[in-house]
């Protein structure tokens, strides 16, 4: 797998990572405590529009640092309502980071497959690689199991399991303000159209699917406004600089 970093200054940096470790360090979150009433009201209003969202437990990063190809940091647990308000209010507390892992499904004919988030989700209409919030179950022996999170989320959203793909070594980290996207390339030995069909069949079988549809991206012409900047930045460099159809 080709691995690369942006150097043109035209988008968020894409940093190849060989070593990745987040330690679980439980702590209080002053933002969630001091603005509890506002947070609860905000969540009630959001839930009135999308009743299927629920206030479960999630994990955020409290800090991280990148040195060469090594990324280390710490994380803590909070509730989804506090996270949602913090995100919707443009990240008012600099002491937290929305860190998340994504599985970039890469077909044998050189395309990537992304999902359109369902109308009932908190990110309705957005187009991402399969991903989900980090949860307490992702903390294993005091550290975040990011690879395990990717495996679970890809299976839930697309029906593909670890038997269906080969996880490439390393990660790509994309810092973007209060967000830190961690992308793992998953090589699938099947063409994009076959994968799209399989994934759509999985979505159709689900009672409450996370995804509404599956997109195939072969180049910039397939980019959509609903794709976040960190997604299109990764796709641009992956498609241009290194990830090609495999023999």
Protein backbone atom coordinates (compact mmCIF):
# COMPACT_ATOMS: atom_id res chain seq x y z
CA UNK A 1 0.00 0.00 0.00
CA UNK A 2 1.35 3.43 -0.85
CA UNK A 3 1.38 5.80 2.10
CA UNK A 4 1.75 9.52 1.80
CA UNK A 5 1.33 12.93 3.41
CA UNK A 6 0.02 16.14 1.89
CA UNK A 7 2.64 18.69 1.13
CA UNK A 8 0.76 21.28 -0.95
CA UNK A 9 -1.06 23.02 1.90
CA UNK A 10 -4.37 22.74 0.03
CA UNK A 11 -6.19 20.60 2.57
CA UNK A 12 -5.89 18.86 5.91
CA UNK A 13 -2.61 16.96 6.31
CA UNK A 14 -2.62 13.21 5.71
CA UNK A 15 -0.04 11.61 7.97
CA UNK A 16 1.04 7.95 7.68
CA UNK A 17 1.04 6.29 11.11
CA UNK A 18 2.90 3.09 12.01
CA UNK A 19 2.32 3.16 15.79
CA UNK A 20 -1.02 4.15 17.32
CA UNK A 21 -1.92 4.09 21.03
CA UNK A 22 -4.58 5.85 23.11
CA UNK A 23 -4.59 5.20 26.85
CA UNK A 24 -7.90 5.31 28.72
CA UNK A 25 -7.68 8.02 31.39
CA UNK A 26 -11.09 8.52 33.08
CA UNK A 27 -11.81 12.11 34.04
CA UNK A 28 -14.58 14.63 34.54
CA UNK A 29 -15.52 16.82 31.58
CA UNK A 30 -16.16 20.38 32.80
CA UNK A 31 -18.09 21.25 29.63
CA UNK A 32 -20.61 18.45 30.22
CA UNK A 33 -21.05 19.38 33.88
CA UNK A 34 -21.27 23.16 33.61
CA UNK A 35 -23.73 23.18 30.68
CA UNK A 36 -25.81 20.14 31.66
CA UNK A 37 -29.22 21.83 31.42
CA UNK A 38 -28.44 23.32 28.00
CA UNK A 39 -27.09 20.00 26.78
CA UNK A 40 -30.18 18.11 27.90
CA UNK A 41 -32.47 20.64 26.21
CA UNK A 42 -30.44 20.47 23.01
CA UNK A 43 -30.58 16.68 22.97
CA UNK A 44 -34.34 16.68 23.61
CA UNK A 45 -34.83 18.98 20.61
CA UNK A 46 -32.61 16.81 18.40
CA UNK A 47 -34.40 13.66 19.52
CA UNK A 48 -37.77 15.20 18.76
CA UNK A 49 -36.64 15.42 15.13
CA UNK A 50 -34.87 12.04 15.07
CA UNK A 51 -36.39 9.80 17.77
CA UNK A 52 -34.02 6.91 17.08
CA UNK A 53 -30.91 8.63 18.40
CA UNK A 54 -30.17 7.71 21.99
CA UNK A 55 -27.94 8.97 24.76
CA UNK A 56 -25.44 6.14 25.10
CA UNK A 57 -21.87 6.25 26.35
CA UNK A 58 -19.10 7.31 23.96
CA UNK A 59 -15.35 7.88 24.08
CA UNK A 60 -13.53 11.08 23.11
CA UNK A 61 -9.84 11.88 23.04
CA UNK A 62 -8.55 14.33 25.61
CA UNK A 63 -5.18 14.87 23.95
CA UNK A 64 -2.88 13.43 21.30
CA UNK A 65 0.47 14.04 19.71
CA UNK A 66 2.09 12.93 16.47
CA UNK A 67 5.84 12.42 16.35
CA UNK A 68 7.09 11.05 13.06
CA UNK A 69 4.96 8.00 12.30
CA UNK A 70 3.81 7.55 15.90
CA UNK A 71 0.50 8.81 17.31
CA UNK A 72 -0.16 8.61 21.04
CA UNK A 73 -2.82 10.11 23.23
CA UNK A 74 -5.42 9.65 25.94
CA UNK A 75 -9.19 9.25 25.95
CA UNK A 76 -12.14 9.48 28.33
CA UNK A 77 -15.77 8.42 28.49
CA UNK A 78 -18.80 10.73 28.33
CA UNK A 79 -22.41 10.68 27.14
CA UNK A 80 -23.56 11.11 23.55
CA UNK A 81 -25.77 14.11 24.39
CA UNK A 82 -22.75 16.05 25.65
CA UNK A 83 -20.71 15.09 22.60
CA UNK A 84 -23.54 16.09 20.24
CA UNK A 85 -23.99 19.50 21.84
CA UNK A 86 -20.23 20.11 21.85
CA UNK A 87 -20.06 19.22 18.16
CA UNK A 88 -23.16 21.18 17.17
CA UNK A 89 -21.95 24.23 19.10
CA UNK A 90 -18.66 24.25 17.16
CA UNK A 91 -16.44 22.54 19.74
CA UNK A 92 -16.37 25.19 22.50
CA UNK A 93 -14.09 23.14 24.82
CA UNK A 94 -10.55 22.69 23.50
CA UNK A 95 -9.92 19.94 26.06
CA UNK A 96 -11.61 17.28 23.93
CA UNK A 97 -11.06 15.85 20.46
CA UNK A 98 -13.55 13.98 18.29
CA UNK A 99 -11.31 11.05 17.39
CA UNK A 100 -12.82 8.33 15.20
CA UNK A 101 -11.68 5.41 13.05
CA UNK A 102 -12.87 4.70 9.51
CA UNK A 103 -12.60 1.68 7.23
CA UNK A 104 -11.73 2.73 3.68
CA UNK A 105 -13.03 -0.19 1.60
CA UNK A 106 -10.84 -0.45 -1.51
CA UNK A 107 -11.96 -2.70 -4.36
CA UNK A 108 -9.67 -4.78 -6.57
CA UNK A 109 -10.42 -2.47 -9.52
CA UNK A 110 -9.15 0.59 -7.67
CA UNK A 111 -12.33 2.23 -6.34
CA UNK A 112 -13.40 3.18 -2.83
CA UNK A 113 -16.85 2.52 -1.38
CA UNK A 114 -18.55 4.95 0.98
CA UNK A 115 -21.90 4.99 2.75
CA UNK A 116 -24.66 7.60 2.81
CA UNK A 117 -25.85 8.02 6.39
CA UNK A 118 -29.51 7.22 6.98
CA UNK A 119 -32.15 9.89 7.59
CA UNK A 120 -32.67 8.77 11.20
CA UNK A 121 -29.01 9.22 12.21
CA UNK A 122 -27.31 12.24 13.77
CA UNK A 123 -25.28 12.66 10.54
CA UNK A 124 -28.12 12.18 8.08
CA UNK A 125 -27.10 12.52 4.43
CA UNK A 126 -23.37 12.73 5.03
CA UNK A 127 -21.16 10.48 2.89
CA UNK A 128 -18.37 8.73 4.78
CA UNK A 129 -16.25 5.64 4.91
CA UNK A 130 -17.89 3.14 7.30
CA UNK A 131 -17.33 4.43 10.83
CA UNK A 132 -18.98 4.98 14.17
CA UNK A 133 -18.48 6.59 17.54
CA UNK A 134 -15.86 5.08 19.79
CA UNK A 135 -17.59 3.31 22.67
CA UNK A 136 -16.56 1.94 26.08
CA UNK A 137 -16.45 -1.57 24.60
CA UNK A 138 -13.58 -0.36 22.41
CA UNK A 139 -11.40 0.04 25.50
CA UNK A 140 -9.40 -3.17 25.91
CA UNK A 141 -6.80 -3.58 28.66
CA UNK A 142 -6.72 0.15 29.26
CA UNK A 143 -6.25 1.18 25.62
CA UNK A 144 -8.46 1.97 22.65
CA UNK A 145 -8.87 -0.91 20.21
CA UNK A 146 -9.31 1.17 17.07
CA UNK A 147 -8.89 -1.76 14.70
CA UNK A 148 -11.63 -3.61 16.56
CA UNK A 149 -13.89 -0.58 16.28
CA UNK A 150 -13.37 -0.51 12.49
CA UNK A 151 -14.13 -4.23 12.19
CA UNK A 152 -17.37 -3.85 14.15
CA UNK A 153 -18.59 -0.75 12.35
CA UNK A 154 -17.82 -2.10 8.87
CA UNK A 155 -19.75 -5.29 9.69
CA UNK A 156 -22.73 -3.42 11.13
CA UNK A 157 -23.00 -0.96 8.26
CA UNK A 158 -22.02 -3.06 5.24
CA UNK A 159 -22.24 -6.73 6.25
CA UNK A 160 -18.56 -7.28 5.35
CA UNK A 161 -16.51 -9.10 7.96
CA UNK A 162 -12.76 -9.45 8.49
CA UNK A 163 -12.84 -12.52 6.24
CA UNK A 164 -13.87 -10.35 3.31
CA UNK A 165 -10.91 -7.96 3.26
CA UNK A 166 -7.26 -7.54 4.12
CA UNK A 167 -6.46 -4.66 6.45
CA UNK A 168 -3.46 -2.73 5.17
CA UNK A 169 -0.65 -2.05 7.65
CA UNK A 170 -0.68 1.26 9.45
CA UNK A 171 -3.17 4.11 9.41
CA UNK A 172 -3.60 7.54 7.91
CA UNK A 173 -4.23 10.29 10.46
CA UNK A 174 -6.03 13.42 9.31
CA UNK A 175 -6.16 16.19 11.93
CA UNK A 176 -8.90 18.71 11.12
CA UNK A 177 -9.47 21.15 13.95
CA UNK A 178 -11.26 19.42 16.82
CA UNK A 179 -11.58 16.25 14.71
CA UNK A 180 -9.01 13.52 14.23
CA UNK A 181 -9.88 10.99 11.53
CA UNK A 182 -7.94 7.72 11.57
CA UNK A 183 -8.33 5.84 8.30
CA UNK A 184 -7.51 2.16 7.82
CA UNK A 185 -7.45 0.92 4.20
CA UNK A 186 -9.30 -2.39 3.76
CA UNK A 187 -8.45 -4.16 0.50
CA UNK A 188 -11.27 -6.31 -0.86
CA UNK A 189 -10.67 -8.91 -3.57
CA UNK A 190 -13.81 -7.99 -5.49
CA UNK A 191 -14.75 -5.31 -8.03
CA UNK A 192 -16.56 -2.20 -6.87
CA UNK A 193 -19.91 -2.98 -8.53
CA UNK A 194 -20.06 -6.41 -6.86
CA UNK A 195 -19.23 -4.86 -3.50
CA UNK A 196 -21.84 -2.17 -3.92
CA UNK A 197 -24.47 -4.81 -4.70
CA UNK A 198 -23.54 -6.89 -1.65
CA UNK A 199 -23.57 -3.87 0.62
CA UNK A 200 -26.91 -2.65 -0.71
CA UNK A 201 -28.37 -6.10 -0.12
CA UNK A 202 -27.18 -5.92 3.48
CA UNK A 203 -28.74 -2.48 3.93
CA UNK A 204 -32.04 -3.77 2.50
CA UNK A 205 -32.10 -6.68 4.99
CA UNK A 206 -31.57 -4.47 8.05
CA UNK A 207 -34.61 -3.32 10.00
CA UNK A 208 -32.97 0.00 10.89
CA UNK A 209 -29.88 0.33 8.68
CA UNK A 210 -27.24 2.91 9.47
CA UNK A 211 -26.78 3.60 5.77
CA UNK A 212 -29.24 4.73 3.12
CA UNK A 213 -27.07 3.90 0.10
CA UNK A 214 -23.55 3.03 -1.10
CA UNK A 215 -21.40 5.25 -3.29
CA UNK A 216 -18.51 4.19 -5.54
CA UNK A 217 -15.65 6.68 -5.90
CA UNK A 218 -13.17 6.19 -8.74
CA UNK A 219 -11.99 9.79 -9.02
CA UNK A 220 -12.76 13.44 -8.23
CA UNK A 221 -15.78 13.39 -10.55
CA UNK A 222 -17.47 11.15 -7.98
CA UNK A 223 -16.94 13.54 -5.06
CA UNK A 224 -20.07 15.02 -3.48
CA UNK A 225 -20.70 18.10 -1.29
CA UNK A 226 -21.92 15.75 1.46
CA UNK A 227 -18.39 14.30 1.79
CA UNK A 228 -16.39 16.03 4.55
CA UNK A 229 -13.13 17.70 3.58
CA UNK A 230 -11.03 15.06 5.32
CA UNK A 231 -12.71 12.34 3.24
CA UNK A 232 -12.16 14.06 -0.10
CA UNK A 233 -8.59 14.97 0.90
CA UNK A 234 -7.80 11.33 1.61
CA UNK A 235 -9.50 10.14 -1.56
CA UNK A 236 -7.69 12.68 -3.74
CA UNK A 237 -4.28 11.62 -2.51
CA UNK A 238 -5.03 7.90 -2.36
CA UNK A 239 -6.37 7.78 -5.89
CA UNK A 240 -3.67 10.04 -7.29
CA UNK A 241 -0.59 8.93 -5.39
CA UNK A 242 -0.69 5.33 -4.54
CA UNK A 243 -3.73 3.08 -4.37
CA UNK A 244 -4.28 1.56 -7.80
CA UNK A 245 -6.06 -1.52 -9.14
CA UNK A 246 -4.30 -4.65 -7.89
CA UNK A 247 -3.32 -7.43 -10.33
